[in-house]
Amino acid sequence: MNAEDRDTGATKTSRDPRLSRQRMLWQFRLLRLARSRRVPTDAPAGDDAPVRRRLGFAFWLAVAWLVAMAFVAIFTPLLPMADPTEVAFSGPRESPSWDAWFGTDALGRDVFSRTMHGARISLAVGGFAIVFGMVVGGGLGMLAGYYRGRLDQTVGFVFFVLLSFPALVLAILITATLERSLLVVSLTLGILSVAPVGLLSRASTLVFAEREFVSAARVLGARNGRIIVRELLPNVVIPMGALTLLGMAVAVVAEGSLAFLGLSVAGEDSISWGKMIVDGSGLRDLQNATHVTMFPVAVMFVTVLALNFAGDRIRQYFDVKELAF
């Protein structure tokens, strides 16, 4: 091939639109990769400064604690622990020792075993309550935000009624009227979580329902059910998921409040952190055996702190806005 032919081939190659687009695409990818790896040293401080999103070591530490508590709550009956209901396991109000790590209560029951068993009811109530709130409140909020009209007005009225009614009074009314079983207590706290989760779901749906991908799905002939499930649900679940851990922490504390009023799960075998705190709240226990209350309070405090911190970090990581308020 002579020089003229080579020049002619190079000219054809440079004028080929497919090769030009491919070359520009590769240049754009390389430029984007270089910019993503470059860390600006003179970036301005403040809200406009670039933030490298990381969950951090503290987040994983909180997750490890929550996983450990969940493991204990599930497999406590299989673990080598003392019977939490055994009276006179040791002397009454004994201090922590090698045989009883958290000491004993007024009846000589092992506080450590009771604390580990108490995680079952406390976490079960909190988990069921927030799942119920997400399913019922989240579903109603999505339907109201998508269809709007009279459905939106009706659902919004129900949400505002639930928010206007005192939560503690409603919980006392339900638990005092019905049987104080695990299902009833969990359902009561779940009803209280419907309105906050529903408002967040409705607000998120209103935002995403105006996006281009929803309009494109309508133009392509997608049905409303498919748009809600395939287009809106994956985007609305993210802010609701960030609220899950925060709501679970509130439900765990609410169960402790009901236990203090004597309205938590009934039964001698139904052990929860709230009931243990009530059992150790007597004047003699507070003066001479503070460990009876201190250890359940400490475990409950660390668990609620881990739930709040992990939920807040997830909210910051996904940049979830507080659209419901």
C-alpha atoms as a PDB file:
ATOM      1  CA  MET A   1       0.000   0.000   0.000  1.00  0.00           C
ATOM      2  CA  ASN A   2       1.423   3.374  -1.006  1.00  0.00           C
ATOM      3  CA  ALA A   3       1.291   6.603   0.979  1.00  0.00           C
ATOM      4  CA  GLU A   4      -1.722   7.924  -0.913  1.00  0.00           C
ATOM      5  CA  ASP A   5      -3.806   4.839  -0.076  1.00  0.00           C
ATOM      6  CA  ARG A   6      -2.860   5.083   3.597  1.00  0.00           C
ATOM      7  CA  ASP A   7      -3.901   8.737   3.691  1.00  0.00           C
ATOM      8  CA  THR A   8      -7.183   7.907   1.979  1.00  0.00           C
ATOM      9  CA  GLY A   9      -7.919   5.084   4.515  1.00  0.00           C
ATOM     10  CA  ALA A  10      -7.116   7.306   7.456  1.00  0.00           C
ATOM     11  CA  THR A  11      -9.450   9.999   6.085  1.00  0.00           C
ATOM     12  CA  LYS A  12     -12.301   7.481   5.706  1.00  0.00           C
ATOM     13  CA  THR A  13     -11.726   6.184   9.193  1.00  0.00           C
ATOM     14  CA  SER A  14     -11.788   9.664  10.707  1.00  0.00           C
ATOM     15  CA  ARG A  15     -14.987  10.476   8.827  1.00  0.00           C
ATOM     16  CA  ASP A  16     -16.761   7.254   9.856  1.00  0.00           C
ATOM     17  CA  PRO A  17     -19.488   8.439  12.310  1.00  0.00           C
ATOM     18  CA  ARG A  18     -19.564   5.133  14.172  1.00  0.00           C
ATOM     19  CA  LEU A  19     -15.852   5.237  14.902  1.00  0.00           C
ATOM     20  CA  SER A  20     -16.085   8.896  15.894  1.00  0.00           C
ATOM     21  CA  ARG A  21     -18.912   8.224  18.363  1.00  0.00           C
ATOM     22  CA  GLN A  22     -17.024   5.257  19.800  1.00  0.00           C
ATOM     23  CA  ARG A  23     -13.874   7.335  20.220  1.00  0.00           C
ATOM     24  CA  MET A  24     -15.823  10.141  21.925  1.00  0.00           C
ATOM     25  CA  LEU A  25     -17.520   7.634  24.216  1.00  0.00           C
ATOM     26  CA  TRP A  26     -14.192   6.211  25.350  1.00  0.00           C
ATOM     27  CA  GLN A  27     -12.814   9.699  25.904  1.00  0.00           C
ATOM     28  CA  PHE A  28     -15.848  10.581  28.029  1.00  0.00           C
ATOM     29  CA  ARG A  29     -15.458   7.424  30.097  1.00  0.00           C
ATOM     30  CA  LEU A  30     -11.772   8.092  30.710  1.00  0.00           C
ATOM     31  CA  LEU A  31     -12.482  11.695  31.668  1.00  0.00           C
ATOM     32  CA  ARG A  32     -15.221  10.667  34.084  1.00  0.00           C
ATOM     33  CA  LEU A  33     -12.970   8.022  35.636  1.00  0.00           C
ATOM     34  CA  ALA A  34     -10.167  10.539  36.088  1.00  0.00           C
ATOM     35  CA  ARG A  35     -12.505  13.053  37.712  1.00  0.00           C
ATOM     36  CA  SER A  36     -13.960  10.445  40.052  1.00  0.00           C
ATOM     37  CA  ARG A  37     -10.510   9.455  41.273  1.00  0.00           C
ATOM     38  CA  ARG A  38      -9.283  13.030  41.690  1.00  0.00           C
ATOM     39  CA  VAL A  39      -9.806  14.400  45.205  1.00  0.00           C
ATOM     40  CA  PRO A  40      -9.985  18.198  45.279  1.00  0.00           C
ATOM     41  CA  THR A  41      -7.690  19.752  47.853  1.00  0.00           C
ATOM     42  CA  ASP A  42      -9.147  23.256  47.709  1.00  0.00           C
ATOM     43  CA  ALA A  43     -12.814  22.286  47.980  1.00  0.00           C
ATOM     44  CA  PRO A  44     -14.931  24.833  49.847  1.00  0.00           C
ATOM     45  CA  ALA A  45     -16.247  23.954  53.269  1.00  0.00           C
ATOM     46  CA  GLY A  46     -19.935  23.931  54.000  1.00  0.00           C
ATOM     47  CA  ASP A  47     -23.033  22.318  52.529  1.00  0.00           C
ATOM     48  CA  ASP A  48     -21.778  22.609  48.933  1.00  0.00           C
ATOM     49  CA  ALA A  49     -18.533  20.769  49.649  1.00  0.00           C
ATOM     50  CA  PRO A  50     -18.218  17.304  48.096  1.00  0.00           C
ATOM     51  CA  VAL A  51     -18.885  14.573  50.659  1.00  0.00           C
ATOM     52  CA  ARG A  52     -17.496  11.078  50.386  1.00  0.00           C
ATOM     53  CA  ARG A  53     -20.336   8.913  51.654  1.00  0.00           C
ATOM     54  CA  ARG A  54     -19.242   6.155  53.945  1.00  0.00           C
ATOM     55  CA  LEU A  55     -21.173   4.328  56.595  1.00  0.00           C
ATOM     56  CA  GLY A  56     -18.167   4.265  58.900  1.00  0.00           C
ATOM     57  CA  PHE A  57     -16.847   1.938  61.558  1.00  0.00           C
ATOM     58  CA  ALA A  58     -19.400   3.061  64.167  1.00  0.00           C
ATOM     59  CA  PHE A  59     -22.230   2.012  61.857  1.00  0.00           C
ATOM     60  CA  TRP A  60     -20.859  -1.509  61.489  1.00  0.00           C
ATOM     61  CA  LEU A  61     -20.279  -1.675  65.232  1.00  0.00           C
ATOM     62  CA  ALA A  62     -23.953  -0.838  65.773  1.00  0.00           C
ATOM     63  CA  VAL A  63     -24.965  -3.438  63.188  1.00  0.00           C
ATOM     64  CA  ALA A  64     -22.800  -6.045  64.941  1.00  0.00           C
ATOM     65  CA  TRP A  65     -24.576  -5.332  68.228  1.00  0.00           C
ATOM     66  CA  LEU A  66     -27.993  -5.605  66.570  1.00  0.00           C
ATOM     67  CA  VAL A  67     -27.041  -8.877  64.877  1.00  0.00           C
ATOM     68  CA  ALA A  68     -25.823 -10.241  68.206  1.00  0.00           C
ATOM     69  CA  MET A  69     -29.082  -9.247  69.905  1.00  0.00           C
ATOM     70  CA  ALA A  70     -31.113 -10.804  67.101  1.00  0.00           C
ATOM     71  CA  PHE A  71     -29.084 -14.011  67.375  1.00  0.00           C
ATOM     72  CA  VAL A  72     -29.624 -14.128  71.125  1.00  0.00           C
ATOM     73  CA  ALA A  73     -33.341 -13.432  70.741  1.00  0.00           C
ATOM     74  CA  ILE A  74     -33.783 -16.259  68.240  1.00  0.00           C
ATOM     75  CA  PHE A  75     -31.562 -18.925  69.769  1.00  0.00           C
ATOM     76  CA  THR A  76     -31.869 -18.134  73.490  1.00  0.00           C
ATOM     77  CA  PRO A  77     -33.771 -21.377  74.280  1.00  0.00           C
ATOM     78  CA  LEU A  78     -30.908 -23.373  72.745  1.00  0.00           C
ATOM     79  CA  LEU A  79     -28.098 -21.528  74.506  1.00  0.00           C
ATOM     80  CA  PRO A  80     -26.627 -22.866  77.770  1.00  0.00           C
ATOM     81  CA  MET A  81     -28.342 -20.431  80.140  1.00  0.00           C
ATOM     82  CA  ALA A  82     -30.213 -20.771  83.393  1.00  0.00           C
ATOM     83  CA  ASP A  83     -33.980 -20.968  83.402  1.00  0.00           C
ATOM     84  CA  PRO A  84     -35.155 -17.326  83.542  1.00  0.00           C
ATOM     85  CA  THR A  85     -38.243 -18.275  85.563  1.00  0.00           C
ATOM     86  CA  GLU A  86     -36.431 -20.482  88.098  1.00  0.00           C
ATOM     87  CA  VAL A  87     -36.989 -19.043  91.557  1.00  0.00           C
ATOM     88  CA  ALA A  88     -34.144 -19.344  94.072  1.00  0.00           C
ATOM     89  CA  PHE A  89     -31.582 -20.048  91.371  1.00  0.00           C
ATOM     90  CA  SER A  90     -29.280 -18.391  93.867  1.00  0.00           C
ATOM     91  CA  GLY A  91     -29.676 -16.092  96.822  1.00  0.00           C
ATOM     92  CA  PRO A  92     -31.938 -13.046  96.453  1.00  0.00           C
ATOM     93  CA  ARG A  93     -30.371  -9.790  95.298  1.00  0.00           C
ATOM     94  CA  GLU A  94     -26.874 -11.230  94.945  1.00  0.00           C
ATOM     95  CA  SER A  95     -24.260  -9.101  93.247  1.00  0.00           C
ATOM     96  CA  PRO A  96     -22.822 -10.107  89.846  1.00  0.00           C
ATOM     97  CA  SER A  97     -20.551 -13.132  90.090  1.00  0.00           C
ATOM     98  CA  TRP A  98     -19.111 -15.881  87.930  1.00  0.00           C
ATOM     99  CA  ASP A  99     -22.216 -18.028  88.406  1.00  0.00           C
ATOM    100  CA  ALA A 100     -24.664 -15.168  87.836  1.00  0.00           C
ATOM    101  CA  TRP A 101     -23.036 -12.591  85.533  1.00  0.00           C
ATOM    102  CA  PHE A 102     -25.694  -9.923  86.125  1.00  0.00           C
ATOM    103  CA  GLY A 103     -26.549 -11.012  89.651  1.00  0.00           C
ATOM    104  CA  THR A 104     -29.987 -12.124  90.863  1.00  0.00           C
ATOM    105  CA  ASP A 105     -33.254 -10.328  91.530  1.00  0.00           C
ATOM    106  CA  ALA A 106     -35.497 -10.298  94.616  1.00  0.00           C
ATOM    107  CA  LEU A 107     -36.696 -13.855  93.897  1.00  0.00           C
ATOM    108  CA  GLY A 108     -33.220 -15.219  93.228  1.00  0.00           C
ATOM    109  CA  ARG A 109     -33.695 -15.450  89.459  1.00  0.00           C
ATOM    110  CA  ASP A 110     -30.725 -15.039  87.121  1.00  0.00           C
ATOM    111  CA  VAL A 111     -30.788 -11.476  85.756  1.00  0.00           C
ATOM    112  CA  PHE A 112     -28.474 -12.284  82.832  1.00  0.00           C
ATOM    113  CA  SER A 113     -30.693 -15.103  81.595  1.00  0.00           C
ATOM    114  CA  ARG A 114     -33.789 -12.952  81.998  1.00  0.00           C
ATOM    115  CA  THR A 115     -32.144 -10.081  80.124  1.00  0.00           C
ATOM    116  CA  MET A 116     -31.243 -12.317  77.190  1.00  0.00           C
ATOM    117  CA  HIS A 117     -34.731 -13.835  77.132  1.00  0.00           C
ATOM    118  CA  GLY A 118     -36.228 -10.361  77.376  1.00  0.00           C
ATOM    119  CA  ALA A 119     -34.716  -9.486  74.017  1.00  0.00           C
ATOM    120  CA  ARG A 120     -37.188 -11.861  72.366  1.00  0.00           C
ATOM    121  CA  ILE A 121     -40.340  -9.935  73.265  1.00  0.00           C
ATOM    122  CA  SER A 122     -38.811  -6.456  73.088  1.00  0.00           C
ATOM    123  CA  LEU A 123     -37.314  -6.950  69.615  1.00  0.00           C
ATOM    124  CA  ALA A 124     -40.308  -8.947  68.379  1.00  0.00           C
ATOM    125  CA  VAL A 125     -42.706  -6.179  69.391  1.00  0.00           C
ATOM    126  CA  GLY A 126     -40.513  -3.506  67.811  1.00  0.00           C
ATOM    127  CA  GLY A 127     -39.954  -5.444  64.600  1.00  0.00           C
ATOM    128  CA  PHE A 128     -43.582  -6.434  64.088  1.00  0.00           C
ATOM    129  CA  ALA A 129     -44.807  -2.915  64.835  1.00  0.00           C
ATOM    130  CA  ILE A 130     -42.632  -1.221  62.237  1.00  0.00           C
ATOM    131  CA  VAL A 131     -43.267  -3.924  59.614  1.00  0.00           C
ATOM    132  CA  PHE A 132     -47.012  -3.491  60.118  1.00  0.00           C
ATOM    133  CA  GLY A 133     -46.602   0.267  59.790  1.00  0.00           C
ATOM    134  CA  MET A 134     -44.599  -0.079  56.580  1.00  0.00           C
ATOM    135  CA  VAL A 135     -47.013  -2.531  54.965  1.00  0.00           C
ATOM    136  CA  VAL A 136     -50.260  -0.784  55.926  1.00  0.00           C
ATOM    137  CA  GLY A 137     -49.141   2.833  56.185  1.00  0.00           C
ATOM    138  CA  GLY A 138     -46.669   2.586  53.315  1.00  0.00           C
ATOM    139  CA  GLY A 139     -49.215   0.913  51.047  1.00  0.00           C
ATOM    140  CA  LEU A 140     -51.961   3.428  51.811  1.00  0.00           C
ATOM    141  CA  GLY A 141     -49.536   6.307  51.387  1.00  0.00           C
ATOM    142  CA  MET A 142     -48.420   5.093  47.963  1.00  0.00           C
ATOM    143  CA  LEU A 143     -51.994   4.610  46.762  1.00  0.00           C
ATOM    144  CA  ALA A 144     -53.005   8.041  48.043  1.00  0.00           C
ATOM    145  CA  GLY A 145     -49.983   9.739  46.489  1.00  0.00           C
ATOM    146  CA  TYR A 146     -50.439   8.036  43.118  1.00  0.00           C
ATOM    147  CA  TYR A 147     -54.214   8.190  42.580  1.00  0.00           C
ATOM    148  CA  ARG A 148     -54.831  11.399  44.579  1.00  0.00           C
ATOM    149  CA  GLY A 149     -58.352  12.764  44.473  1.00  0.00           C
ATOM    150  CA  ARG A 150     -60.875  11.472  47.009  1.00  0.00           C
ATOM    151  CA  LEU A 151     -58.678   8.533  47.969  1.00  0.00           C
ATOM    152  CA  ASP A 152     -55.891  10.918  48.926  1.00  0.00           C
ATOM    153  CA  GLN A 153     -58.282  13.033  50.969  1.00  0.00           C
ATOM    154  CA  THR A 154     -59.718  10.018  52.800  1.00  0.00           C
ATOM    155  CA  VAL A 155     -56.346   8.443  53.590  1.00  0.00           C
ATOM    156  CA  GLY A 156     -54.904  11.798  54.615  1.00  0.00           C
ATOM    157  CA  PHE A 157     -57.837  12.364  56.980  1.00  0.00           C
ATOM    158  CA  VAL A 158     -57.224   8.954  58.602  1.00  0.00           C
ATOM    159  CA  PHE A 159     -53.524   9.730  59.027  1.00  0.00           C
ATOM    160  CA  PHE A 160     -54.194  13.097  60.637  1.00  0.00           C
ATOM    161  CA  VAL A 161     -56.766  11.553  62.999  1.00  0.00           C
ATOM    162  CA  LEU A 162     -54.195   8.981  64.123  1.00  0.00           C
ATOM    163  CA  LEU A 163     -51.611  11.716  64.635  1.00  0.00           C
ATOM    164  CA  SER A 164     -54.066  13.939  66.510  1.00  0.00           C
ATOM    165  CA  PHE A 165     -55.126  11.202  68.932  1.00  0.00           C
ATOM    166  CA  PRO A 166     -52.721  10.878  71.898  1.00  0.00           C
ATOM    167  CA  ALA A 167     -50.567   7.822  71.188  1.00  0.00           C
ATOM    168  CA  LEU A 168     -50.245   6.726  74.799  1.00  0.00           C
ATOM    169  CA  VAL A 169     -53.996   7.026  75.416  1.00  0.00           C
ATOM    170  CA  LEU A 170     -54.740   4.969  72.305  1.00  0.00           C
ATOM    171  CA  ALA A 171     -52.237   2.296  73.339  1.00  0.00           C
ATOM    172  CA  ILE A 172     -53.719   2.129  76.847  1.00  0.00           C
ATOM    173  CA  LEU A 173     -57.241   1.930  75.413  1.00  0.00           C
ATOM    174  CA  ILE A 174     -56.422  -0.995  73.124  1.00  0.00           C
ATOM    175  CA  THR A 175     -54.252  -3.006  75.514  1.00  0.00           C
ATOM    176  CA  ALA A 176     -56.632  -2.507  78.446  1.00  0.00           C
ATOM    177  CA  THR A 177     -59.656  -3.557  76.394  1.00  0.00           C
ATOM    178  CA  LEU A 178     -58.209  -6.604  74.634  1.00  0.00           C
ATOM    179  CA  GLU A 179     -56.102  -9.496  75.847  1.00  0.00           C
ATOM    180  CA  ARG A 180     -52.516  -8.397  76.498  1.00  0.00           C
ATOM    181  CA  SER A 181     -50.883 -10.938  74.221  1.00  0.00           C
ATOM    182  CA  LEU A 182     -47.779 -10.502  72.103  1.00  0.00           C
ATOM    183  CA  LEU A 183     -49.900 -10.028  68.982  1.00  0.00           C
ATOM    184  CA  VAL A 184     -52.159  -7.395  70.560  1.00  0.00           C
ATOM    185  CA  VAL A 185     -49.278  -5.338  71.980  1.00  0.00           C
ATOM    186  CA  SER A 186     -47.369  -5.521  68.687  1.00  0.00           C
ATOM    187  CA  LEU A 187     -50.487  -4.614  66.707  1.00  0.00           C
ATOM    188  CA  THR A 188     -51.150  -1.668  68.994  1.00  0.00           C
ATOM    189  CA  LEU A 189     -47.712  -0.195  68.433  1.00  0.00           C
ATOM    190  CA  GLY A 190     -48.012  -1.018  64.732  1.00  0.00           C
ATOM    191  CA  ILE A 191     -51.191   1.059  64.481  1.00  0.00           C
ATOM    192  CA  LEU A 192     -49.354   3.978  66.055  1.00  0.00           C
ATOM    193  CA  SER A 193     -46.642   3.750  63.369  1.00  0.00           C
ATOM    194  CA  VAL A 194     -49.067   3.737  60.413  1.00  0.00           C
ATOM    195  CA  ALA A 195     -49.517   7.502  60.158  1.00  0.00           C
ATOM    196  CA  PRO A 196     -45.828   8.626  60.241  1.00  0.00           C
ATOM    197  CA  VAL A 197     -44.761   5.957  57.746  1.00  0.00           C
ATOM    198  CA  GLY A 198     -47.806   6.622  55.576  1.00  0.00           C
ATOM    199  CA  LEU A 199     -47.127  10.354  55.358  1.00  0.00           C
ATOM    200  CA  LEU A 200     -43.521   9.709  54.359  1.00  0.00           C
ATOM    201  CA  SER A 201     -44.633   7.181  51.739  1.00  0.00           C
ATOM    202  CA  ARG A 202     -47.254   9.563  50.341  1.00  0.00           C
ATOM    203  CA  ALA A 203     -44.804  12.460  50.110  1.00  0.00           C
ATOM    204  CA  SER A 204     -42.195  10.303  48.360  1.00  0.00           C
ATOM    205  CA  THR A 205     -44.799   8.974  45.935  1.00  0.00           C
ATOM    206  CA  LEU A 206     -45.926  12.502  45.051  1.00  0.00           C
ATOM    207  CA  VAL A 207     -42.326  13.385  44.164  1.00  0.00           C
ATOM    208  CA  PHE A 208     -41.511  10.288  42.116  1.00  0.00           C
ATOM    209  CA  ALA A 209     -44.900  10.169  40.349  1.00  0.00           C
ATOM    210  CA  GLU A 210     -43.897  13.309  38.413  1.00  0.00           C
ATOM    211  CA  ARG A 211     -40.581  11.906  37.205  1.00  0.00           C
ATOM    212  CA  GLU A 212     -39.823  11.123  33.583  1.00  0.00           C
ATOM    213  CA  PHE A 213     -39.586   7.352  34.013  1.00  0.00           C
ATOM    214  CA  VAL A 214     -43.167   7.210  35.318  1.00  0.00           C
ATOM    215  CA  SER A 215     -44.402   9.316  32.397  1.00  0.00           C
ATOM    216  CA  ALA A 216     -42.484   7.073  29.988  1.00  0.00           C
ATOM    217  CA  ALA A 217     -44.099   3.989  31.530  1.00  0.00           C
ATOM    218  CA  ARG A 218     -47.558   5.513  31.021  1.00  0.00           C
ATOM    219  CA  VAL A 219     -46.761   6.359  27.397  1.00  0.00           C
ATOM    220  CA  LEU A 220     -45.633   2.788  26.784  1.00  0.00           C
ATOM    221  CA  GLY A 221     -49.014   1.561  28.033  1.00  0.00           C
ATOM    222  CA  ALA A 222     -48.050   0.217  31.462  1.00  0.00           C
ATOM    223  CA  ARG A 223     -50.936  -0.311  33.853  1.00  0.00           C
ATOM    224  CA  ASN A 224     -51.214   1.511  37.150  1.00  0.00           C
ATOM    225  CA  GLY A 225     -50.432  -1.603  39.162  1.00  0.00           C
ATOM    226  CA  ARG A 226     -47.255  -2.229  37.204  1.00  0.00           C
ATOM    227  CA  ILE A 227     -46.175   1.415  37.571  1.00  0.00           C
ATOM    228  CA  ILE A 228     -46.704   1.309  41.338  1.00  0.00           C
ATOM    229  CA  VAL A 229     -44.880  -1.994  41.828  1.00  0.00           C
ATOM    230  CA  ARG A 230     -42.110  -1.725  39.242  1.00  0.00           C
ATOM    231  CA  GLU A 231     -41.428   2.007  39.076  1.00  0.00           C
ATOM    232  CA  LEU A 232     -42.527   3.681  42.318  1.00  0.00           C
ATOM    233  CA  LEU A 233     -42.058   0.974  44.954  1.00  0.00           C
ATOM    234  CA  PRO A 234     -38.250   0.557  44.516  1.00  0.00           C
ATOM    235  CA  ASN A 235     -37.805   4.314  44.973  1.00  0.00           C
ATOM    236  CA  VAL A 236     -40.247   4.748  47.855  1.00  0.00           C
ATOM    237  CA  VAL A 237     -38.851   1.766  49.776  1.00  0.00           C
ATOM    238  CA  ILE A 238     -35.499   3.544  50.251  1.00  0.00           C
ATOM    239  CA  PRO A 239     -36.778   6.389  52.474  1.00  0.00           C
ATOM    240  CA  MET A 240     -39.142   3.996  54.279  1.00  0.00           C
ATOM    241  CA  GLY A 241     -36.279   1.574  54.855  1.00  0.00           C
ATOM    242  CA  ALA A 242     -34.213   4.340  56.392  1.00  0.00           C
ATOM    243  CA  LEU A 243     -37.119   4.988  58.766  1.00  0.00           C
ATOM    244  CA  THR A 244     -37.430   1.323  59.753  1.00  0.00           C
ATOM    245  CA  LEU A 245     -34.641   1.198  62.317  1.00  0.00           C
ATOM    246  CA  LEU A 246     -35.646   4.536  63.818  1.00  0.00           C
ATOM    247  CA  GLY A 247     -39.243   3.380  64.150  1.00  0.00           C
ATOM    248  CA  MET A 248     -38.176   0.082  65.674  1.00  0.00           C
ATOM    249  CA  ALA A 249     -36.218   1.949  68.348  1.00  0.00           C
ATOM    250  CA  VAL A 250     -39.308   4.004  69.190  1.00  0.00           C
ATOM    251  CA  ALA A 251     -41.421   0.827  69.400  1.00  0.00           C
ATOM    252  CA  VAL A 252     -38.955  -0.835  71.798  1.00  0.00           C
ATOM    253  CA  VAL A 253     -39.102   2.201  74.096  1.00  0.00           C
ATOM    254  CA  ALA A 254     -42.909   2.290  73.799  1.00  0.00           C
ATOM    255  CA  GLU A 255     -43.118  -1.344  74.922  1.00  0.00           C
ATOM    256  CA  GLY A 256     -41.081  -0.421  77.982  1.00  0.00           C
ATOM    257  CA  SER A 257     -43.519   2.410  78.709  1.00  0.00           C
ATOM    258  CA  LEU A 258     -46.482   0.030  78.483  1.00  0.00           C
ATOM    259  CA  ALA A 259     -44.677  -2.391  80.789  1.00  0.00           C
ATOM    260  CA  PHE A 260     -44.198   0.388  83.337  1.00  0.00           C
ATOM    261  CA  LEU A 261     -47.983   0.896  83.262  1.00  0.00           C
ATOM    262  CA  GLY A 262     -48.593  -2.844  83.592  1.00  0.00           C
ATOM    263  CA  LEU A 263     -50.007  -3.120  80.059  1.00  0.00           C
ATOM    264  CA  SER A 264     -47.257  -5.062  78.298  1.00  0.00           C
ATOM    265  CA  VAL A 265     -47.390  -8.733  77.338  1.00  0.00           C
ATOM    266  CA  ALA A 266     -49.000 -10.674  80.190  1.00  0.00           C
ATOM    267  CA  GLY A 267     -47.720 -13.924  81.689  1.00  0.00           C
ATOM    268  CA  GLU A 268     -44.907 -15.045  83.972  1.00  0.00           C
ATOM    269  CA  ASP A 269     -43.022 -16.522  81.021  1.00  0.00           C
ATOM    270  CA  SER A 270     -43.388 -13.290  79.018  1.00  0.00           C
ATOM    271  CA  ILE A 271     -40.145 -11.530  79.884  1.00  0.00           C
ATOM    272  CA  SER A 272     -39.235  -8.189  78.362  1.00  0.00           C
ATOM    273  CA  TRP A 273     -36.760  -5.470  79.204  1.00  0.00           C
ATOM    274  CA  GLY A 274     -39.566  -3.159  80.244  1.00  0.00           C
ATOM    275  CA  LYS A 275     -41.020  -5.698  82.669  1.00  0.00           C
ATOM    276  CA  MET A 276     -37.583  -6.376  84.143  1.00  0.00           C
ATOM    277  CA  ILE A 277     -37.080  -2.660  84.761  1.00  0.00           C
ATOM    278  CA  VAL A 278     -40.439  -2.520  86.520  1.00  0.00           C
ATOM    279  CA  ASP A 279     -39.560  -5.568  88.637  1.00  0.00           C
ATOM    280  CA  GLY A 280     -36.381  -3.877  89.835  1.00  0.00           C
ATOM    281  CA  SER A 281     -37.899  -0.444  90.419  1.00  0.00           C
ATOM    282  CA  GLY A 282     -38.765  -1.092  94.057  1.00  0.00           C
ATOM    283  CA  LEU A 283     -37.180   1.113  96.686  1.00  0.00           C
ATOM    284  CA  ARG A 284     -35.221  -1.749  98.251  1.00  0.00           C
ATOM    285  CA  ASP A 285     -33.872  -2.886  94.889  1.00  0.00           C
ATOM    286  CA  LEU A 286     -32.881   0.643  93.891  1.00  0.00           C
ATOM    287  CA  GLN A 287     -31.035   1.167  97.173  1.00  0.00           C
ATOM    288  CA  ASN A 288     -29.373  -2.209  97.752  1.00  0.00           C
ATOM    289  CA  ALA A 289     -29.480  -4.068  94.409  1.00  0.00           C
ATOM    290  CA  THR A 290     -29.147  -1.570  91.587  1.00  0.00           C
ATOM    291  CA  HIS A 291     -27.866  -4.295  89.252  1.00  0.00           C
ATOM    292  CA  VAL A 292     -31.393  -5.707  88.974  1.00  0.00           C
ATOM    293  CA  THR A 293     -32.451  -2.629  87.003  1.00  0.00           C
ATOM    294  CA  MET A 294     -29.107  -1.383  85.738  1.00  0.00           C
ATOM    295  CA  PHE A 295     -28.291  -4.272  83.383  1.00  0.00           C
ATOM    296  CA  PRO A 296     -31.677  -4.418  81.578  1.00  0.00           C
ATOM    297  CA  VAL A 297     -31.589  -0.625  81.253  1.00  0.00           C
ATOM    298  CA  ALA A 298     -28.030  -0.760  79.866  1.00  0.00           C
ATOM    299  CA  VAL A 299     -28.848  -3.452  77.283  1.00  0.00           C
ATOM    300  CA  MET A 300     -32.016  -1.651  76.237  1.00  0.00           C
ATOM    301  CA  PHE A 301     -30.164   1.676  76.018  1.00  0.00           C
ATOM    302  CA  VAL A 302     -27.366   0.275  73.835  1.00  0.00           C
ATOM    303  CA  THR A 303     -29.875  -1.487  71.564  1.00  0.00           C
ATOM    304  CA  VAL A 304     -31.991   1.626  71.077  1.00  0.00           C
ATOM    305  CA  LEU A 305     -28.843   3.694  70.541  1.00  0.00           C
ATOM    306  CA  ALA A 306     -27.624   1.229  67.894  1.00  0.00           C
ATOM    307  CA  LEU A 307     -31.003   1.311  66.128  1.00  0.00           C
ATOM    308  CA  ASN A 308     -31.116   5.100  66.116  1.00  0.00           C
ATOM    309  CA  PHE A 309     -27.525   5.498  64.976  1.00  0.00           C
ATOM    310  CA  ALA A 310     -27.742   2.859  62.231  1.00  0.00           C
ATOM    311  CA  GLY A 311     -31.028   4.286  60.968  1.00  0.00           C
ATOM    312  CA  ASP A 312     -29.659   7.830  60.914  1.00  0.00           C
ATOM    313  CA  ARG A 313     -26.504   6.749  59.080  1.00  0.00           C
ATOM    314  CA  ILE A 314     -28.583   4.933  56.449  1.00  0.00           C
ATOM    315  CA  ARG A 315     -30.736   8.038  56.062  1.00  0.00           C
ATOM    316  CA  GLN A 316     -27.646  10.177  55.514  1.00  0.00           C
ATOM    317  CA  TYR A 317     -26.051   7.642  53.174  1.00  0.00           C
ATOM    318  CA  PHE A 318     -29.060   7.559  50.838  1.00  0.00           C
ATOM    319  CA  ASP A 319     -29.681  11.299  51.348  1.00  0.00           C
ATOM    320  CA  VAL A 320     -33.274  10.739  52.433  1.00  0.00           C
ATOM    321  CA  LYS A 321     -35.200  13.955  52.937  1.00  0.00           C
ATOM    322  CA  GLU A 322     -37.769  14.342  55.708  1.00  0.00           C
ATOM    323  CA  LEU A 323     -40.630  14.699  53.261  1.00  0.00           C
ATOM    324  CA  ALA A 324     -43.357  13.778  55.709  1.00  0.00           C
ATOM    325  CA  PHE A 325     -42.918  16.787  57.980  1.00  0.00           C
END
